[in-house]
C-alpha atoms as a PDB file:
ATOM      1  CA  MET A   1      88.247 121.342  66.565  1.00  0.00           C
ATOM      2  CA  SER A   2      89.287 119.972  70.002  1.00  0.00           C
ATOM      3  CA  TYR A   3      87.011 117.490  72.698  1.00  0.00           C
ATOM      4  CA  ILE A   4      87.437 116.941  76.097  1.00  0.00           C
ATOM      5  CA  GLU A   5      89.038 113.610  77.197  1.00  0.00           C
ATOM      6  CA  LYS A   6      87.049 111.408  79.192  1.00  0.00           C
ATOM      7  CA  PRO A   7      87.925 107.892  80.899  1.00  0.00           C
ATOM      8  CA  ILE A   8      85.238 105.140  79.883  1.00  0.00           C
ATOM      9  CA  GLY A   9      87.000 102.574  81.772  1.00  0.00           C
ATOM     10  CA  ILE A  10      90.358 100.569  83.518  1.00  0.00           C
ATOM     11  CA  LEU A  11      92.163  98.358  81.535  1.00  0.00           C
ATOM     12  CA  ASP A  12      94.450  96.937  84.029  1.00  0.00           C
ATOM     13  CA  ARG A  13      96.355  97.737  87.499  1.00  0.00           C
ATOM     14  CA  LYS A  14      99.678  97.092  88.540  1.00  0.00           C
ATOM     15  CA  ASP A  15     102.317  98.292  91.646  1.00  0.00           C
ATOM     16  CA  GLN A  16     105.268 100.458  90.743  1.00  0.00           C
ATOM     17  CA  VAL A  17     108.121 100.290  93.294  1.00  0.00           C
ATOM     18  CA  LEU A  18     110.439 103.049  93.751  1.00  0.00           C
ATOM     19  CA  ARG A  19     113.174 103.621  96.217  1.00  0.00           C
ATOM     20  CA  ASN A  20     111.355 104.207  99.294  1.00  0.00           C
ATOM     21  CA  ARG A  21     107.573 103.796  98.590  1.00  0.00           C
ATOM     22  CA  THR A  22     104.931 101.803  96.040  1.00  0.00           C
ATOM     23  CA  ILE A  23     102.433 103.718  93.595  1.00  0.00           C
ATOM     24  CA  SER A  24      99.333 101.947  92.453  1.00  0.00           C
ATOM     25  CA  LEU A  25      99.056 102.674  88.878  1.00  0.00           C
ATOM     26  CA  VAL A  26      96.258 101.997  86.439  1.00  0.00           C
ATOM     27  CA  LYS A  27      95.619 101.466  83.125  1.00  0.00           C
ATOM     28  CA  ILE A  28      93.027 103.937  81.585  1.00  0.00           C
ATOM     29  CA  LEU A  29      91.402 103.827  78.269  1.00  0.00           C
ATOM     30  CA  TRP A  30      90.345 107.118  77.069  1.00  0.00           C
ATOM     31  CA  GLN A  31      86.993 108.473  74.812  1.00  0.00           C
ATOM     32  CA  HIS A  32      88.062 108.560  71.205  1.00  0.00           C
ATOM     33  CA  HIS A  33      91.369 106.482  71.404  1.00  0.00           C
ATOM     34  CA  THR A  34      91.648 102.563  70.706  1.00  0.00           C
ATOM     35  CA  SER A  35      92.952 100.481  73.876  1.00  0.00           C
ATOM     36  CA  ASP A  36      96.913 100.844  72.174  1.00  0.00           C
ATOM     37  CA  GLU A  37      96.337 104.184  73.186  1.00  0.00           C
ATOM     38  CA  ALA A  38      96.049 103.782  76.804  1.00  0.00           C
ATOM     39  CA  THR A  39      97.719 104.970  79.438  1.00  0.00           C
ATOM     40  CA  TRP A  40      99.269 104.286  82.979  1.00  0.00           C
ATOM     41  CA  GLU A  41      97.829 106.881  85.677  1.00  0.00           C
ATOM     42  CA  GLU A  42      97.958 107.155  89.392  1.00  0.00           C
ATOM     43  CA  GLU A  43      94.947 105.030  90.713  1.00  0.00           C
ATOM     44  CA  ASP A  44      94.812 108.150  93.363  1.00  0.00           C
ATOM     45  CA  GLU A  45      94.483 110.694  90.973  1.00  0.00           C
ATOM     46  CA  VAL A  46      91.888 108.788  88.903  1.00  0.00           C
ATOM     47  CA  ARG A  47      89.996 107.714  92.027  1.00  0.00           C
ATOM     48  CA  ASN A  48      89.925 111.575  93.077  1.00  0.00           C
ATOM     49  CA  ASN A  49      88.903 112.728  89.666  1.00  0.00           C
ATOM     50  CA  TYR A  50      86.506 110.239  88.233  1.00  0.00           C
ATOM     51  CA  PRO A  51      85.274 108.065  91.365  1.00  0.00           C
ATOM     52  CA  GLU A  52      82.775 106.463  89.137  1.00  0.00           C
ATOM     53  CA  LEU A  53      85.385 104.131  87.265  1.00  0.00           C
ATOM     54  CA  PHE A  54      85.323 102.323  90.605  1.00  0.00           C
ATOM     55  CA  ASP A  55      81.787 101.604  91.298  1.00  0.00           C
END
């Protein structure tokens, strides 16, 4: 059995500085997972795929 992973909230934000640019990251809480299993994702990708999280 499988299910679709859906984000249900943003737990935290941070900026990661690389050599010549800064990437904004958000920590995503996924449906069917605990906060310990939340993952860091690029904010731009999350904003494009799940705009409802930023309302």
